[in-house]
């Protein structure tokens, strides 16, 4: 997910996106714990997406 795509979204949409990403991260962590995850890079991508969303939410909060 690109940051330019996220900047267009509203704060409410970003909150929904953050919630879905945290649920995805939890699922991936459970797969790692049970050794069912084949592609470990998925976890890193989700963590980075969460950081992007949080950063943009902070920027939007500072602008208002």
N, C-alpha and C. Protein backbone atom coordinates (compact mmCIF):
# COMPACT_ATOMS: atom_id res chain seq x y z
N UNK A 1 0.85 -1.16 0.00
CA UNK A 1 0.00 0.00 0.00
C UNK A 1 0.90 1.24 0.00
N UNK A 2 0.60 2.16 -0.89
CA UNK A 2 1.41 3.37 -1.00
C UNK A 2 0.86 4.46 -0.11
N UNK A 3 1.75 5.32 0.35
CA UNK A 3 1.32 6.41 1.22
C UNK A 3 0.47 7.42 0.45
N UNK A 4 0.68 7.56 -0.85
CA UNK A 4 -0.14 8.49 -1.64
C UNK A 4 -1.59 8.02 -1.70
N UNK A 5 -1.80 6.71 -1.70
CA UNK A 5 -3.16 6.18 -1.68
C UNK A 5 -3.82 6.46 -0.33
N UNK A 6 -3.05 6.39 0.73
CA UNK A 6 -3.59 6.59 2.07
C UNK A 6 -3.90 8.06 2.34
N UNK A 7 -3.13 8.97 1.78
CA UNK A 7 -3.34 10.39 2.03
C UNK A 7 -4.67 10.89 1.49
N UNK A 8 -5.20 10.21 0.49
CA UNK A 8 -6.47 10.60 -0.12
C UNK A 8 -7.65 10.22 0.77
N UNK A 9 -7.48 9.19 1.57
CA UNK A 9 -8.56 8.68 2.40
C UNK A 9 -8.85 9.61 3.58
N UNK A 10 -10.08 9.52 4.08
CA UNK A 10 -10.47 10.32 5.25
C UNK A 10 -9.95 9.64 6.52
N UNK A 11 -10.05 10.36 7.62
CA UNK A 11 -9.56 9.82 8.90
C UNK A 11 -10.36 8.59 9.31
N UNK A 12 -11.67 8.60 9.05
CA UNK A 12 -12.51 7.44 9.40
C UNK A 12 -12.11 6.21 8.59
N UNK A 13 -11.82 6.42 7.30
CA UNK A 13 -11.39 5.31 6.46
C UNK A 13 -10.03 4.77 6.92
N UNK A 14 -9.17 5.68 7.36
CA UNK A 14 -7.86 5.25 7.84
C UNK A 14 -7.99 4.45 9.14
N UNK A 15 -8.92 4.83 9.99
CA UNK A 15 -9.16 4.07 11.22
C UNK A 15 -9.63 2.66 10.89
N UNK A 16 -10.52 2.53 9.90
CA UNK A 16 -11.00 1.21 9.49
C UNK A 16 -9.85 0.39 8.92
N UNK A 17 -9.02 1.03 8.13
CA UNK A 17 -7.87 0.36 7.54
C UNK A 17 -6.91 -0.12 8.63
N UNK A 18 -6.70 0.71 9.64
CA UNK A 18 -5.83 0.35 10.75
C UNK A 18 -6.38 -0.84 11.51
N UNK A 19 -7.68 -0.87 11.72
CA UNK A 19 -8.30 -1.99 12.42
C UNK A 19 -8.13 -3.29 11.63
N UNK A 20 -8.35 -3.22 10.33
CA UNK A 20 -8.21 -4.44 9.53
C UNK A 20 -6.76 -4.90 9.47
N UNK A 21 -5.82 -3.96 9.45
CA UNK A 21 -4.41 -4.34 9.43
C UNK A 21 -3.98 -4.96 10.75
N UNK A 22 -4.48 -4.46 11.85
CA UNK A 22 -4.11 -5.05 13.15
C UNK A 22 -4.70 -6.45 13.29
N UNK A 23 -5.89 -6.66 12.74
CA UNK A 23 -6.46 -8.02 12.76
C UNK A 23 -5.64 -8.95 11.89
N UNK A 24 -5.18 -8.45 10.74
CA UNK A 24 -4.34 -9.27 9.86
C UNK A 24 -3.02 -9.59 10.54
N UNK A 25 -2.46 -8.62 11.25
CA UNK A 25 -1.20 -8.85 11.96
C UNK A 25 -1.38 -9.91 13.04
N UNK A 26 -2.49 -9.86 13.75
CA UNK A 26 -2.75 -10.87 14.78
C UNK A 26 -2.83 -12.26 14.16
N UNK A 27 -3.55 -12.36 13.04
CA UNK A 27 -3.66 -13.65 12.36
C UNK A 27 -2.32 -14.18 11.91
N UNK A 28 -1.49 -13.29 11.38
CA UNK A 28 -0.16 -13.71 10.94
C UNK A 28 0.71 -14.13 12.12
N UNK A 29 0.59 -13.43 13.24
CA UNK A 29 1.37 -13.81 14.43
C UNK A 29 0.95 -15.18 14.94
N UNK A 30 -0.33 -15.48 14.85
CA UNK A 30 -0.80 -16.80 15.27
C UNK A 30 -0.27 -17.88 14.34
N UNK A 31 -0.20 -17.55 13.04
CA UNK A 31 0.34 -18.51 12.09
C UNK A 31 1.82 -18.76 12.34
N UNK A 32 2.55 -17.72 12.74
CA UNK A 32 3.97 -17.89 13.07
C UNK A 32 4.10 -18.77 14.30
N UNK A 33 3.25 -18.54 15.29
CA UNK A 33 3.35 -19.31 16.53
C UNK A 33 3.05 -20.79 16.31
N UNK A 34 2.14 -21.08 15.39
CA UNK A 34 1.80 -22.48 15.12
C UNK A 34 2.58 -23.05 13.94
N UNK A 35 3.55 -22.28 13.46
CA UNK A 35 4.42 -22.68 12.35
C UNK A 35 3.64 -23.01 11.08
N UNK A 36 2.60 -22.22 10.79
CA UNK A 36 1.82 -22.42 9.58
C UNK A 36 2.12 -21.37 8.51
N UNK A 37 2.88 -20.34 8.87
CA UNK A 37 3.17 -19.26 7.94
C UNK A 37 4.38 -19.63 7.09
N UNK A 38 4.17 -19.64 5.77
CA UNK A 38 5.25 -19.99 4.86
C UNK A 38 6.06 -18.77 4.44
N UNK A 39 5.38 -17.63 4.28
CA UNK A 39 6.03 -16.42 3.79
C UNK A 39 6.15 -15.41 4.94
N UNK A 40 7.31 -15.36 5.56
CA UNK A 40 7.49 -14.49 6.72
C UNK A 40 7.50 -13.01 6.36
N UNK A 41 7.71 -12.69 5.10
CA UNK A 41 7.75 -11.28 4.69
C UNK A 41 6.37 -10.63 4.77
N UNK A 42 5.31 -11.43 4.81
CA UNK A 42 3.96 -10.88 4.95
C UNK A 42 3.81 -10.12 6.25
N UNK A 43 4.39 -10.64 7.30
CA UNK A 43 4.31 -10.00 8.61
C UNK A 43 5.00 -8.64 8.59
N UNK A 44 6.14 -8.56 7.94
CA UNK A 44 6.87 -7.31 7.84
C UNK A 44 6.09 -6.28 7.02
N UNK A 45 5.46 -6.72 5.94
CA UNK A 45 4.68 -5.81 5.10
C UNK A 45 3.50 -5.23 5.87
N UNK A 46 2.84 -6.06 6.66
CA UNK A 46 1.68 -5.60 7.43
C UNK A 46 2.15 -4.61 8.50
N UNK A 47 3.26 -4.89 9.14
CA UNK A 47 3.79 -3.96 10.16
C UNK A 47 4.12 -2.61 9.56
N UNK A 48 4.70 -2.61 8.37
CA UNK A 48 5.03 -1.35 7.70
C UNK A 48 3.77 -0.60 7.29
N UNK A 49 2.75 -1.32 6.83
CA UNK A 49 1.49 -0.68 6.46
C UNK A 49 0.83 -0.04 7.68
N UNK A 50 0.89 -0.73 8.81
CA UNK A 50 0.33 -0.17 10.04
C UNK A 50 1.07 1.13 10.40
N UNK A 51 2.38 1.12 10.27
CA UNK A 51 3.16 2.31 10.58
C UNK A 51 2.80 3.46 9.63
N UNK A 52 2.59 3.14 8.35
CA UNK A 52 2.21 4.18 7.39
C UNK A 52 0.87 4.81 7.76
N UNK A 53 -0.10 3.95 8.09
CA UNK A 53 -1.43 4.45 8.43
C UNK A 53 -1.37 5.31 9.69
N UNK A 54 -0.64 4.86 10.69
CA UNK A 54 -0.53 5.64 11.92
C UNK A 54 0.15 6.98 11.68
N UNK A 55 1.16 7.00 10.83
CA UNK A 55 1.87 8.24 10.52
C UNK A 55 0.95 9.23 9.83
N UNK A 56 0.18 8.76 8.88
CA UNK A 56 -0.71 9.65 8.14
C UNK A 56 -1.85 10.13 9.04
N UNK A 57 -2.33 9.27 9.93
CA UNK A 57 -3.35 9.70 10.89
C UNK A 57 -2.81 10.81 11.79
N UNK A 58 -1.56 10.67 12.21
CA UNK A 58 -0.94 11.70 13.04
C UNK A 58 -0.80 13.00 12.26
N UNK A 59 -0.41 12.91 11.01
CA UNK A 59 -0.28 14.12 10.18
C UNK A 59 -1.61 14.80 9.98
N UNK A 60 -2.64 14.02 9.75
CA UNK A 60 -3.97 14.61 9.57
C UNK A 60 -4.46 15.25 10.84
N UNK A 61 -4.13 14.68 11.98
CA UNK A 61 -4.53 15.25 13.26
C UNK A 61 -3.81 16.57 13.53
N UNK A 62 -2.56 16.65 13.09
CA UNK A 62 -1.78 17.87 13.31
C UNK A 62 -2.24 18.99 12.39
N UNK A 63 -2.77 18.65 11.24
CA UNK A 63 -3.22 19.67 10.27
C UNK A 63 -4.49 20.33 10.73
N UNK A 64 -5.33 19.60 11.44
CA UNK A 64 -6.63 20.16 11.79
C UNK A 64 -6.58 20.98 13.02
